Amino acid sequence: MTINERLFNVMKDNGISIRELARRTGITASTISDWNTKHTNPTAEKIPVICDALGISTSYLLRGTEETDYILTNEEKNLIETIRNMDDASQKRFLAYFEQMYHKKEG
């Protein structure tokens, strides 16, 4: 299945019209319509915008799989950013605490 086919299948499955996708993405309806009628694919810079608007991963749109691409929630992104901004000692304490919590949950 091509990128074009996956795009329009997702739109169909979710009841999203060309006009609605255009509204969500800022891409003109005529451009989206051309992808459908001319069987062409969106350009690389439009792929992330389309995926965000449809709630799918770039991995799915490009390859048809969800193997390595994760869509993070805002909370997850904030947590990652917070951890990245910690000094090394704080990161180690956080990870040790997390490990303890995780293992308690399993047991």
PDB file of N, CA and C in Angstrom:
ATOM      1  N   MET A   1       0.851  -1.173   0.000  1.00  0.00           N
ATOM      2  CA  MET A   1       0.000   0.000   0.000  1.00  0.00           C
ATOM      3  C   MET A   1       0.905   1.248   0.000  1.00  0.00           C
ATOM      4  N   THR A   2       0.530   2.244  -0.739  1.00  0.00           N
ATOM      5  CA  THR A   2       1.326   3.469  -0.832  1.00  0.00           C
ATOM      6  C   THR A   2       0.937   4.466   0.263  1.00  0.00           C
ATOM      7  N   ILE A   3       1.757   5.485   0.418  1.00  0.00           N
ATOM      8  CA  ILE A   3       1.463   6.558   1.373  1.00  0.00           C
ATOM      9  C   ILE A   3       0.108   7.162   1.044  1.00  0.00           C
ATOM     10  N   ASN A   4      -0.103   7.433  -0.211  1.00  0.00           N
ATOM     11  CA  ASN A   4      -1.362   8.011  -0.684  1.00  0.00           C
ATOM     12  C   ASN A   4      -2.550   7.143  -0.281  1.00  0.00           C
ATOM     13  N   GLU A   5      -2.432   5.853  -0.499  1.00  0.00           N
ATOM     14  CA  GLU A   5      -3.532   4.939  -0.170  1.00  0.00           C
ATOM     15  C   GLU A   5      -3.781   4.892   1.333  1.00  0.00           C
ATOM     16  N   ARG A   6      -2.697   4.835   2.129  1.00  0.00           N
ATOM     17  CA  ARG A   6      -2.864   4.826   3.588  1.00  0.00           C
ATOM     18  C   ARG A   6      -3.527   6.114   4.064  1.00  0.00           C
ATOM     19  N   LEU A   7      -3.100   7.249   3.517  1.00  0.00           N
ATOM     20  CA  LEU A   7      -3.673   8.544   3.902  1.00  0.00           C
ATOM     21  C   LEU A   7      -5.181   8.549   3.684  1.00  0.00           C
ATOM     22  N   PHE A   8      -5.610   8.194   2.503  1.00  0.00           N
ATOM     23  CA  PHE A   8      -7.036   8.269   2.200  1.00  0.00           C
ATOM     24  C   PHE A   8      -7.839   7.160   2.883  1.00  0.00           C
ATOM     25  N   ASN A   9      -7.208   6.032   3.186  1.00  0.00           N
ATOM     26  CA  ASN A   9      -7.885   4.999   3.987  1.00  0.00           C
ATOM     27  C   ASN A   9      -8.130   5.495   5.406  1.00  0.00           C
ATOM     28  N   VAL A  10      -7.124   6.138   6.007  1.00  0.00           N
ATOM     29  CA  VAL A  10      -7.289   6.679   7.362  1.00  0.00           C
ATOM     30  C   VAL A  10      -8.390   7.730   7.360  1.00  0.00           C
ATOM     31  N   MET A  11      -8.383   8.596   6.359  1.00  0.00           N
ATOM     32  CA  MET A  11      -9.419   9.625   6.269  1.00  0.00           C
ATOM     33  C   MET A  11     -10.801   8.974   6.160  1.00  0.00           C
ATOM     34  N   LYS A  12     -10.920   7.983   5.301  1.00  0.00           N
ATOM     35  CA  LYS A  12     -12.206   7.306   5.107  1.00  0.00           C
ATOM     36  C   LYS A  12     -12.656   6.607   6.388  1.00  0.00           C
ATOM     37  N   ASP A  13     -11.727   5.864   7.016  1.00  0.00           N
ATOM     38  CA  ASP A  13     -12.054   5.122   8.233  1.00  0.00           C
ATOM     39  C   ASP A  13     -12.515   6.032   9.362  1.00  0.00           C
ATOM     40  N   ASN A  14     -12.020   7.269   9.373  1.00  0.00           N
ATOM     41  CA  ASN A  14     -12.346   8.209  10.446  1.00  0.00           C
ATOM     42  C   ASN A  14     -13.356   9.272  10.029  1.00  0.00           C
ATOM     43  N   GLY A  15     -13.905   9.132   8.835  1.00  0.00           N
ATOM     44  CA  GLY A  15     -14.918  10.067   8.360  1.00  0.00           C
ATOM     45  C   GLY A  15     -14.399  11.485   8.179  1.00  0.00           C
ATOM     46  N   ILE A  16     -13.150  11.606   7.753  1.00  0.00           N
ATOM     47  CA  ILE A  16     -12.535  12.924   7.567  1.00  0.00           C
ATOM     48  C   ILE A  16     -12.506  13.256   6.078  1.00  0.00           C
ATOM     49  N   SER A  17     -13.146  14.346   5.733  1.00  0.00           N
ATOM     50  CA  SER A  17     -13.202  14.765   4.339  1.00  0.00           C
ATOM     51  C   SER A  17     -11.927  15.517   3.949  1.00  0.00           C
ATOM     52  N   ILE A  18     -11.782  15.728   2.669  1.00  0.00           N
ATOM     53  CA  ILE A  18     -10.650  16.519   2.174  1.00  0.00           C
ATOM     54  C   ILE A  18     -10.714  17.921   2.765  1.00  0.00           C
ATOM     55  N   ARG A  19     -11.890  18.495   2.805  1.00  0.00           N
ATOM     56  CA  ARG A  19     -12.043  19.845   3.379  1.00  0.00           C
ATOM     57  C   ARG A  19     -11.662  19.878   4.851  1.00  0.00           C
ATOM     58  N   GLU A  20     -12.056  18.841   5.585  1.00  0.00           N
ATOM     59  CA  GLU A  20     -11.732  18.788   7.012  1.00  0.00           C
ATOM     60  C   GLU A  20     -10.221  18.649   7.215  1.00  0.00           C
ATOM     61  N   LEU A  21      -9.580  17.805   6.424  1.00  0.00           N
ATOM     62  CA  LEU A  21      -8.123  17.677   6.540  1.00  0.00           C
ATOM     63  C   LEU A  21      -7.447  18.992   6.180  1.00  0.00           C
ATOM     64  N   ALA A  22      -7.967  19.670   5.186  1.00  0.00           N
ATOM     65  CA  ALA A  22      -7.425  20.978   4.809  1.00  0.00           C
ATOM     66  C   ALA A  22      -7.556  21.965   5.962  1.00  0.00           C
ATOM     67  N   ARG A  23      -8.693  21.955   6.624  1.00  0.00           N
ATOM     68  CA  ARG A  23      -8.910  22.853   7.762  1.00  0.00           C
ATOM     69  C   ARG A  23      -7.930  22.546   8.886  1.00  0.00           C
ATOM     70  N   ARG A  24      -7.748  21.262   9.170  1.00  0.00           N
ATOM     71  CA  ARG A  24      -6.875  20.856  10.276  1.00  0.00           C
ATOM     72  C   ARG A  24      -5.391  21.127  10.003  1.00  0.00           C
ATOM     73  N   THR A  25      -5.007  21.077   8.740  1.00  0.00           N
ATOM     74  CA  THR A  25      -3.584  21.159   8.402  1.00  0.00           C
ATOM     75  C   THR A  25      -3.137  22.491   7.818  1.00  0.00           C
ATOM     76  N   GLY A  26      -4.070  23.232   7.236  1.00  0.00           N
ATOM     77  CA  GLY A  26      -3.681  24.449   6.536  1.00  0.00           C
ATOM     78  C   GLY A  26      -3.202  24.173   5.116  1.00  0.00           C
ATOM     79  N   ILE A  27      -3.288  22.934   4.695  1.00  0.00           N
ATOM     80  CA  ILE A  27      -2.945  22.550   3.321  1.00  0.00           C
ATOM     81  C   ILE A  27      -4.209  22.749   2.485  1.00  0.00           C
ATOM     82  N   THR A  28      -4.063  23.304   1.305  1.00  0.00           N
ATOM     83  CA  THR A  28      -5.258  23.584   0.511  1.00  0.00           C
ATOM     84  C   THR A  28      -5.986  22.293   0.120  1.00  0.00           C
ATOM     85  N   ALA A  29      -7.299  22.394   0.051  1.00  0.00           N
ATOM     86  CA  ALA A  29      -8.123  21.243  -0.336  1.00  0.00           C
ATOM     87  C   ALA A  29      -7.757  20.777  -1.742  1.00  0.00           C
ATOM     88  N   SER A  30      -7.394  21.710  -2.621  1.00  0.00           N
ATOM     89  CA  SER A  30      -7.049  21.318  -3.992  1.00  0.00           C
ATOM     90  C   SER A  30      -5.763  20.488  -4.016  1.00  0.00           C
ATOM     91  N   THR A  31      -4.815  20.803  -3.139  1.00  0.00           N
ATOM     92  CA  THR A  31      -3.577  20.015  -3.062  1.00  0.00           C
ATOM     93  C   THR A  31      -3.888  18.608  -2.580  1.00  0.00           C
ATOM     94  N   ILE A  32      -4.696  18.504  -1.530  1.00  0.00           N
ATOM     95  CA  ILE A  32      -5.070  17.190  -0.995  1.00  0.00           C
ATOM     96  C   ILE A  32      -5.850  16.401  -2.042  1.00  0.00           C
ATOM     97  N   SER A  33      -6.743  17.072  -2.737  1.00  0.00           N
ATOM     98  CA  SER A  33      -7.520  16.424  -3.788  1.00  0.00           C
ATOM     99  C   SER A  33      -6.608  15.900  -4.902  1.00  0.00           C
ATOM    100  N   ASP A  34      -5.575  16.674  -5.235  1.00  0.00           N
ATOM    101  CA  ASP A  34      -4.620  16.237  -6.261  1.00  0.00           C
ATOM    102  C   ASP A  34      -3.911  14.952  -5.855  1.00  0.00           C
ATOM    103  N   TRP A  35      -3.576  14.821  -4.568  1.00  0.00           N
ATOM    104  CA  TRP A  35      -2.927  13.589  -4.120  1.00  0.00           C
ATOM    105  C   TRP A  35      -3.826  12.400  -4.419  1.00  0.00           C
ATOM    106  N   ASN A  36      -5.120  12.602  -4.253  1.00  0.00           N
ATOM    107  CA  ASN A  36      -6.084  11.536  -4.471  1.00  0.00           C
ATOM    108  C   ASN A  36      -6.275  11.250  -5.953  1.00  0.00           C
ATOM    109  N   THR A  37      -6.528  12.267  -6.731  1.00  0.00           N
ATOM    110  CA  THR A  37      -6.846  12.052  -8.146  1.00  0.00           C
ATOM    111  C   THR A  37      -5.620  11.725  -8.993  1.00  0.00           C
ATOM    112  N   LYS A  38      -4.477  12.294  -8.632  1.00  0.00           N
ATOM    113  CA  LYS A  38      -3.254  12.055  -9.413  1.00  0.00           C
ATOM    114  C   LYS A  38      -2.407  10.930  -8.831  1.00  0.00           C
ATOM    115  N   HIS A  39      -2.872  10.350  -7.721  1.00  0.00           N
ATOM    116  CA  HIS A  39      -2.157   9.257  -7.050  1.00  0.00           C
ATOM    117  C   HIS A  39      -0.718   9.638  -6.728  1.00  0.00           C
ATOM    118  N   THR A  40      -0.567  10.844  -6.179  1.00  0.00           N
ATOM    119  CA  THR A  40       0.744  11.318  -5.755  1.00  0.00           C
ATOM    120  C   THR A  40       0.773  11.366  -4.230  1.00  0.00           C
ATOM    121  N   ASN A  41       1.954  11.577  -3.689  1.00  0.00           N
ATOM    122  CA  ASN A  41       2.120  11.609  -2.238  1.00  0.00           C
ATOM    123  C   ASN A  41       2.408  13.021  -1.752  1.00  0.00           C
ATOM    124  N   PRO A  42       2.073  13.299  -0.511  1.00  0.00           N
ATOM    125  CA  PRO A  42       2.416  14.600   0.070  1.00  0.00           C
ATOM    126  C   PRO A  42       3.936  14.759   0.128  1.00  0.00           C
ATOM    127  N   THR A  43       4.390  16.000   0.125  1.00  0.00           N
ATOM    128  CA  THR A  43       5.817  16.259   0.256  1.00  0.00           C
ATOM    129  C   THR A  43       6.256  15.994   1.696  1.00  0.00           C
ATOM    130  N   ALA A  44       7.539  15.820   1.886  1.00  0.00           N
ATOM    131  CA  ALA A  44       8.091  15.441   3.187  1.00  0.00           C
ATOM    132  C   ALA A  44       7.707  16.415   4.299  1.00  0.00           C
ATOM    133  N   GLU A  45       7.717  17.714   4.015  1.00  0.00           N
ATOM    134  CA  GLU A  45       7.411  18.686   5.071  1.00  0.00           C
ATOM    135  C   GLU A  45       5.940  18.664   5.484  1.00  0.00           C
ATOM    136  N   LYS A  46       5.081  18.088   4.657  1.00  0.00           N
ATOM    137  CA  LYS A  46       3.655  18.018   5.003  1.00  0.00           C
ATOM    138  C   LYS A  46       3.301  16.761   5.806  1.00  0.00           C
ATOM    139  N   ILE A  47       4.146  15.753   5.751  1.00  0.00           N
ATOM    140  CA  ILE A  47       3.862  14.478   6.422  1.00  0.00           C
ATOM    141  C   ILE A  47       3.613  14.660   7.926  1.00  0.00           C
ATOM    142  N   PRO A  48       4.502  15.330   8.685  1.00  0.00           N
ATOM    143  CA  PRO A  48       4.240  15.468  10.125  1.00  0.00           C
ATOM    144  C   PRO A  48       2.959  16.246  10.433  1.00  0.00           C
ATOM    145  N   VAL A  49       2.660  17.246   9.633  1.00  0.00           N
ATOM    146  CA  VAL A  49       1.450  18.049   9.835  1.00  0.00           C
ATOM    147  C   VAL A  49       0.209  17.184   9.627  1.00  0.00           C
ATOM    148  N   ILE A  50       0.233  16.370   8.594  1.00  0.00           N
ATOM    149  CA  ILE A  50      -0.886  15.473   8.294  1.00  0.00           C
ATOM    150  C   ILE A  50      -1.054  14.443   9.415  1.00  0.00           C
ATOM    151  N   CYS A  51       0.060  13.858   9.839  1.00  0.00           N
ATOM    152  CA  CYS A  51       0.001  12.841  10.898  1.00  0.00           C
ATOM    153  C   CYS A  51      -0.543  13.418  12.193  1.00  0.00           C
ATOM    154  N   ASP A  52      -0.101  14.621  12.551  1.00  0.00           N
ATOM    155  CA  ASP A  52      -0.634  15.271  13.754  1.00  0.00           C
ATOM    156  C   ASP A  52      -2.133  15.489  13.629  1.00  0.00           C
ATOM    157  N   ALA A  53      -2.568  15.947  12.467  1.00  0.00           N
ATOM    158  CA  ALA A  53      -3.991  16.236  12.261  1.00  0.00           C
ATOM    159  C   ALA A  53      -4.839  14.973  12.309  1.00  0.00           C
ATOM    160  N   LEU A  54      -4.275  13.852  11.878  1.00  0.00           N
ATOM    161  CA  LEU A  54      -5.028  12.603  11.836  1.00  0.00           C
ATOM    162  C   LEU A  54      -4.812  11.736  13.079  1.00  0.00           C
ATOM    163  N   GLY A  55      -3.868  12.124  13.917  1.00  0.00           N
ATOM    164  CA  GLY A  55      -3.588  11.341  15.117  1.00  0.00           C
ATOM    165  C   GLY A  55      -2.916  10.011  14.816  1.00  0.00           C
ATOM    166  N   ILE A  56      -2.084   9.987  13.778  1.00  0.00           N
ATOM    167  CA  ILE A  56      -1.347   8.771  13.421  1.00  0.00           C
ATOM    168  C   ILE A  56       0.141   9.078  13.455  1.00  0.00           C
ATOM    169  N   SER A  57       0.941   8.041  13.492  1.00  0.00           N
ATOM    170  CA  SER A  57       2.388   8.232  13.503  1.00  0.00           C
ATOM    171  C   SER A  57       2.917   8.359  12.079  1.00  0.00           C
ATOM    172  N   THR A  58       4.060   9.009  11.966  1.00  0.00           N
ATOM    173  CA  THR A  58       4.704   9.094  10.649  1.00  0.00           C
ATOM    174  C   THR A  58       5.107   7.704  10.180  1.00  0.00           C
ATOM    175  N   SER A  59       5.485   6.856  11.127  1.00  0.00           N
ATOM    176  CA  SER A  59       5.853   5.481  10.787  1.00  0.00           C
ATOM    177  C   SER A  59       4.691   4.777  10.088  1.00  0.00           C
ATOM    178  N   TYR A  60       3.499   4.948  10.628  1.00  0.00           N
ATOM    179  CA  TYR A  60       2.343   4.302  10.009  1.00  0.00           C
ATOM    180  C   TYR A  60       2.087   4.853   8.610  1.00  0.00           C
ATOM    181  N   LEU A  61       2.096   6.159   8.466  1.00  0.00           N
ATOM    182  CA  LEU A  61       1.802   6.739   7.155  1.00  0.00           C
ATOM    183  C   LEU A  61       2.865   6.357   6.126  1.00  0.00           C
ATOM    184  N   LEU A  62       4.114   6.370   6.524  1.00  0.00           N
ATOM    185  CA  LEU A  62       5.192   6.094   5.574  1.00  0.00           C
ATOM    186  C   LEU A  62       5.385   4.609   5.287  1.00  0.00           C
ATOM    187  N   ARG A  63       5.263   3.768   6.334  1.00  0.00           N
ATOM    188  CA  ARG A  63       5.581   2.351   6.163  1.00  0.00           C
ATOM    189  C   ARG A  63       4.414   1.407   6.414  1.00  0.00           C
ATOM    190  N   GLY A  64       3.367   1.922   7.032  1.00  0.00           N
ATOM    191  CA  GLY A  64       2.239   1.049   7.352  1.00  0.00           C
ATOM    192  C   GLY A  64       2.438   0.254   8.626  1.00  0.00           C
ATOM    193  N   THR A  65       3.442   0.651   9.435  1.00  0.00           N
ATOM    194  CA  THR A  65       3.722  -0.049  10.687  1.00  0.00           C
ATOM    195  C   THR A  65       3.836   0.961  11.817  1.00  0.00           C
ATOM    196  N   GLU A  66       3.759   0.452  13.020  1.00  0.00           N
ATOM    197  CA  GLU A  66       3.929   1.276  14.221  1.00  0.00           C
ATOM    198  C   GLU A  66       5.170   0.843  14.988  1.00  0.00           C
ATOM    199  N   GLU A  67       6.110   0.203  14.324  1.00  0.00           N
ATOM    200  CA  GLU A  67       7.228  -0.443  14.989  1.00  0.00           C
ATOM    201  C   GLU A  67       8.059   0.473  15.885  1.00  0.00           C
ATOM    202  N   THR A  68       8.516   1.599  15.362  1.00  0.00           N
ATOM    203  CA  THR A  68       9.486   2.385  16.126  1.00  0.00           C
ATOM    204  C   THR A  68       9.041   3.806  16.415  1.00  0.00           C
ATOM    205  N   ASP A  69       7.924   4.189  15.921  1.00  0.00           N
ATOM    206  CA  ASP A  69       7.485   5.564  16.077  1.00  0.00           C
ATOM    207  C   ASP A  69       6.462   5.649  17.198  1.00  0.00           C
ATOM    208  N   TYR A  70       6.716   6.509  18.167  1.00  0.00           N
ATOM    209  CA  TYR A  70       5.793   6.662  19.272  1.00  0.00           C
ATOM    210  C   TYR A  70       5.213   8.067  19.265  1.00  0.00           C
ATOM    211  N   ILE A  71       3.953   8.152  19.544  1.00  0.00           N
ATOM    212  CA  ILE A  71       3.320   9.451  19.697  1.00  0.00           C
ATOM    213  C   ILE A  71       3.234   9.708  21.192  1.00  0.00           C
ATOM    214  N   LEU A  72       3.931  10.742  21.649  1.00  0.00           N
ATOM    215  CA  LEU A  72       3.965  11.065  23.071  1.00  0.00           C
ATOM    216  C   LEU A  72       2.883  12.068  23.420  1.00  0.00           C
ATOM    217  N   THR A  73       2.313  11.890  24.594  1.00  0.00           N
ATOM    218  CA  THR A  73       1.370  12.889  25.099  1.00  0.00           C
ATOM    219  C   THR A  73       2.170  14.106  25.570  1.00  0.00           C
ATOM    220  N   ASN A  74       1.489  15.209  25.792  1.00  0.00           N
ATOM    221  CA  ASN A  74       2.169  16.393  26.307  1.00  0.00           C
ATOM    222  C   ASN A  74       2.788  16.124  27.668  1.00  0.00           C
ATOM    223  N   GLU A  75       2.107  15.338  28.498  1.00  0.00           N
ATOM    224  CA  GLU A  75       2.638  14.999  29.814  1.00  0.00           C
ATOM    225  C   GLU A  75       3.942  14.208  29.692  1.00  0.00           C
ATOM    226  N   GLU A  76       3.967  13.271  28.750  1.00  0.00           N
ATOM    227  CA  GLU A  76       5.178  12.482  28.531  1.00  0.00           C
ATOM    228  C   GLU A  76       6.318  13.363  28.019  1.00  0.00           C
ATOM    229  N   LYS A  77       6.001  14.264  27.113  1.00  0.00           N
ATOM    230  CA  LYS A  77       7.022  15.185  26.603  1.00  0.00           C
ATOM    231  C   LYS A  77       7.567  16.060  27.720  1.00  0.00           C
ATOM    232  N   ASN A  78       6.679  16.552  28.584  1.00  0.00           N
ATOM    233  CA  ASN A  78       7.117  17.390  29.710  1.00  0.00           C
ATOM    234  C   ASN A  78       7.993  16.608  30.670  1.00  0.00           C
ATOM    235  N   LEU A  79       7.639  15.359  30.939  1.00  0.00           N
ATOM    236  CA  LEU A  79       8.434  14.522  31.826  1.00  0.00           C
ATOM    237  C   LEU A  79       9.834  14.313  31.250  1.00  0.00           C
ATOM    238  N   ILE A  80       9.911  14.001  29.986  1.00  0.00           N
ATOM    239  CA  ILE A  80      11.210  13.793  29.338  1.00  0.00           C
ATOM    240  C   ILE A  80      12.045  15.066  29.397  1.00  0.00           C
ATOM    241  N   GLU A  81      11.428  16.188  29.101  1.00  0.00           N
ATOM    242  CA  GLU A  81      12.144  17.471  29.135  1.00  0.00           C
ATOM    243  C   GLU A  81      12.646  17.783  30.550  1.00  0.00           C
ATOM    244  N   THR A  82      11.810  17.505  31.543  1.00  0.00           N
ATOM    245  CA  THR A  82      12.205  17.739  32.938  1.00  0.00           C
ATOM    246  C   THR A  82      13.420  16.886  33.298  1.00  0.00           C
ATOM    247  N   ILE A  83      13.382  15.613  32.929  1.00  0.00           N
ATOM    248  CA  ILE A  83      14.503  14.716  33.223  1.00  0.00           C
ATOM    249  C   ILE A  83      15.765  15.178  32.502  1.00  0.00           C
ATOM    250  N   ARG A  84      15.632  15.590  31.256  1.00  0.00           N
ATOM    251  CA  ARG A  84      16.802  16.065  30.502  1.00  0.00           C
ATOM    252  C   ARG A  84      17.425  17.302  31.134  1.00  0.00           C
ATOM    253  N   ASN A  85      16.615  18.121  31.773  1.00  0.00           N
ATOM    254  CA  ASN A  85      17.116  19.351  32.384  1.00  0.00           C
ATOM    255  C   ASN A  85      17.722  19.138  33.771  1.00  0.00           C
ATOM    256  N   MET A  86      17.592  17.930  34.329  1.00  0.00           N
ATOM    257  CA  MET A  86      18.163  17.635  35.648  1.00  0.00           C
ATOM    258  C   MET A  86      19.678  17.465  35.531  1.00  0.00           C
ATOM    259  N   ASP A  87      20.364  17.757  36.624  1.00  0.00           N
ATOM    260  CA  ASP A  87      21.789  17.443  36.649  1.00  0.00           C
ATOM    261  C   ASP A  87      21.947  15.925  36.780  1.00  0.00           C
ATOM    262  N   ASP A  88      23.161  15.436  36.595  1.00  0.00           N
ATOM    263  CA  ASP A  88      23.398  13.989  36.595  1.00  0.00           C
ATOM    264  C   ASP A  88      22.963  13.313  37.890  1.00  0.00           C
ATOM    265  N   ALA A  89      23.262  13.928  39.011  1.00  0.00           N
ATOM    266  CA  ALA A  89      22.910  13.327  40.298  1.00  0.00           C
ATOM    267  C   ALA A  89      21.394  13.224  40.452  1.00  0.00           C
ATOM    268  N   SER A  90      20.685  14.262  40.057  1.00  0.00           N
ATOM    269  CA  SER A  90      19.220  14.244  40.159  1.00  0.00           C
ATOM    270  C   SER A  90      18.624  13.193  39.223  1.00  0.00           C
ATOM    271  N   GLN A  91      19.195  13.054  38.032  1.00  0.00           N
ATOM    272  CA  GLN A  91      18.715  12.028  37.106  1.00  0.00           C
ATOM    273  C   GLN A  91      18.892  10.636  37.702  1.00  0.00           C
ATOM    274  N   LYS A  92      20.053  10.396  38.309  1.00  0.00           N
ATOM    275  CA  LYS A  92      20.309   9.078  38.916  1.00  0.00           C
ATOM    276  C   LYS A  92      19.329   8.799  40.054  1.00  0.00           C
ATOM    277  N   ARG A  93      19.055   9.804  40.899  1.00  0.00           N
ATOM    278  CA  ARG A  93      18.095   9.627  41.994  1.00  0.00           C
ATOM    279  C   ARG A  93      16.700   9.353  41.444  1.00  0.00           C
ATOM    280  N   PHE A  94      16.318  10.103  40.431  1.00  0.00           N
ATOM    281  CA  PHE A  94      15.000   9.915  39.819  1.00  0.00           C
ATOM    282  C   PHE A  94      14.875   8.498  39.259  1.00  0.00           C
ATOM    283  N   LEU A  95      15.875   8.057  38.511  1.00  0.00           N
ATOM    284  CA  LEU A  95      15.812   6.725  37.906  1.00  0.00           C
ATOM    285  C   LEU A  95      15.792   5.627  38.964  1.00  0.00           C
ATOM    286  N   ALA A  96      16.547   5.812  40.050  1.00  0.00           N
ATOM    287  CA  ALA A  96      16.528   4.831  41.138  1.00  0.00           C
ATOM    288  C   ALA A  96      15.137   4.775  41.770  1.00  0.00           C
ATOM    289  N   TYR A  97      14.540   5.939  42.009  1.00  0.00           N
ATOM    290  CA  TYR A  97      13.190   6.003  42.572  1.00  0.00           C
ATOM    291  C   TYR A  97      12.187   5.337  41.626  1.00  0.00           C
ATOM    292  N   PHE A  98      12.307   5.622  40.354  1.00  0.00           N
ATOM    293  CA  PHE A  98      11.416   5.041  39.355  1.00  0.00           C
ATOM    294  C   PHE A  98      11.545   3.515  39.348  1.00  0.00           C
ATOM    295  N   GLU A  99      12.764   3.013  39.391  1.00  0.00           N
ATOM    296  CA  GLU A  99      12.991   1.568  39.412  1.00  0.00           C
ATOM    297  C   GLU A  99      12.308   0.930  40.624  1.00  0.00           C
ATOM    298  N   GLN A 100      12.435   1.574  41.785  1.00  0.00           N
ATOM    299  CA  GLN A 100      11.794   1.041  42.990  1.00  0.00           C
ATOM    300  C   GLN A 100      10.279   1.007  42.823  1.00  0.00           C
ATOM    301  N   MET A 101       9.707   2.067  42.299  1.00  0.00           N
ATOM    302  CA  MET A 101       8.257   2.119  42.085  1.00  0.00           C
ATOM    303  C   MET A 101       7.822   1.050  41.102  1.00  0.00           C
ATOM    304  N   TYR A 102       8.553   0.890  40.036  1.00  0.00           N
ATOM    305  CA  TYR A 102       8.204  -0.071  38.989  1.00  0.00           C
ATOM    306  C   TYR A 102       8.225  -1.493  39.525  1.00  0.00           C
ATOM    307  N   HIS A 103       9.256  -1.820  40.281  1.00  0.00           N
ATOM    308  CA  HIS A 103       9.372  -3.183  40.808  1.00  0.00           C
ATOM    309  C   HIS A 103       8.326  -3.457  41.889  1.00  0.00           C
ATOM    310  N   LYS A 104       7.938  -2.457  42.648  1.00  0.00           N
ATOM    311  CA  LYS A 104       6.877  -2.645  43.639  1.00  0.00           C
ATOM    312  C   LYS A 104       5.557  -2.946  42.939  1.00  0.00           C
ATOM    313  N   LYS A 105       5.342  -2.287  41.809  1.00  0.00           N
ATOM    314  CA  LYS A 105       4.103  -2.478  41.047  1.00  0.00           C
ATOM    315  C   LYS A 105       4.020  -3.890  40.493  1.00  0.00           C
ATOM    316  N   GLU A 106       5.152  -4.424  40.034  1.00  0.00           N
ATOM    317  CA  GLU A 106       5.198  -5.773  39.468  1.00  0.00           C
ATOM    318  C   GLU A 106       4.952  -6.835  40.535  1.00  0.00           C
ATOM    319  N   GLY A 107       5.449  -6.602  41.723  1.00  0.00           N
ATOM    320  CA  GLY A 107       5.414  -7.615  42.773  1.00  0.00           C
ATOM    321  C   GLY A 107       4.167  -7.654  43.528  1.00  0.00           C
TER     322      GLY A 107
END
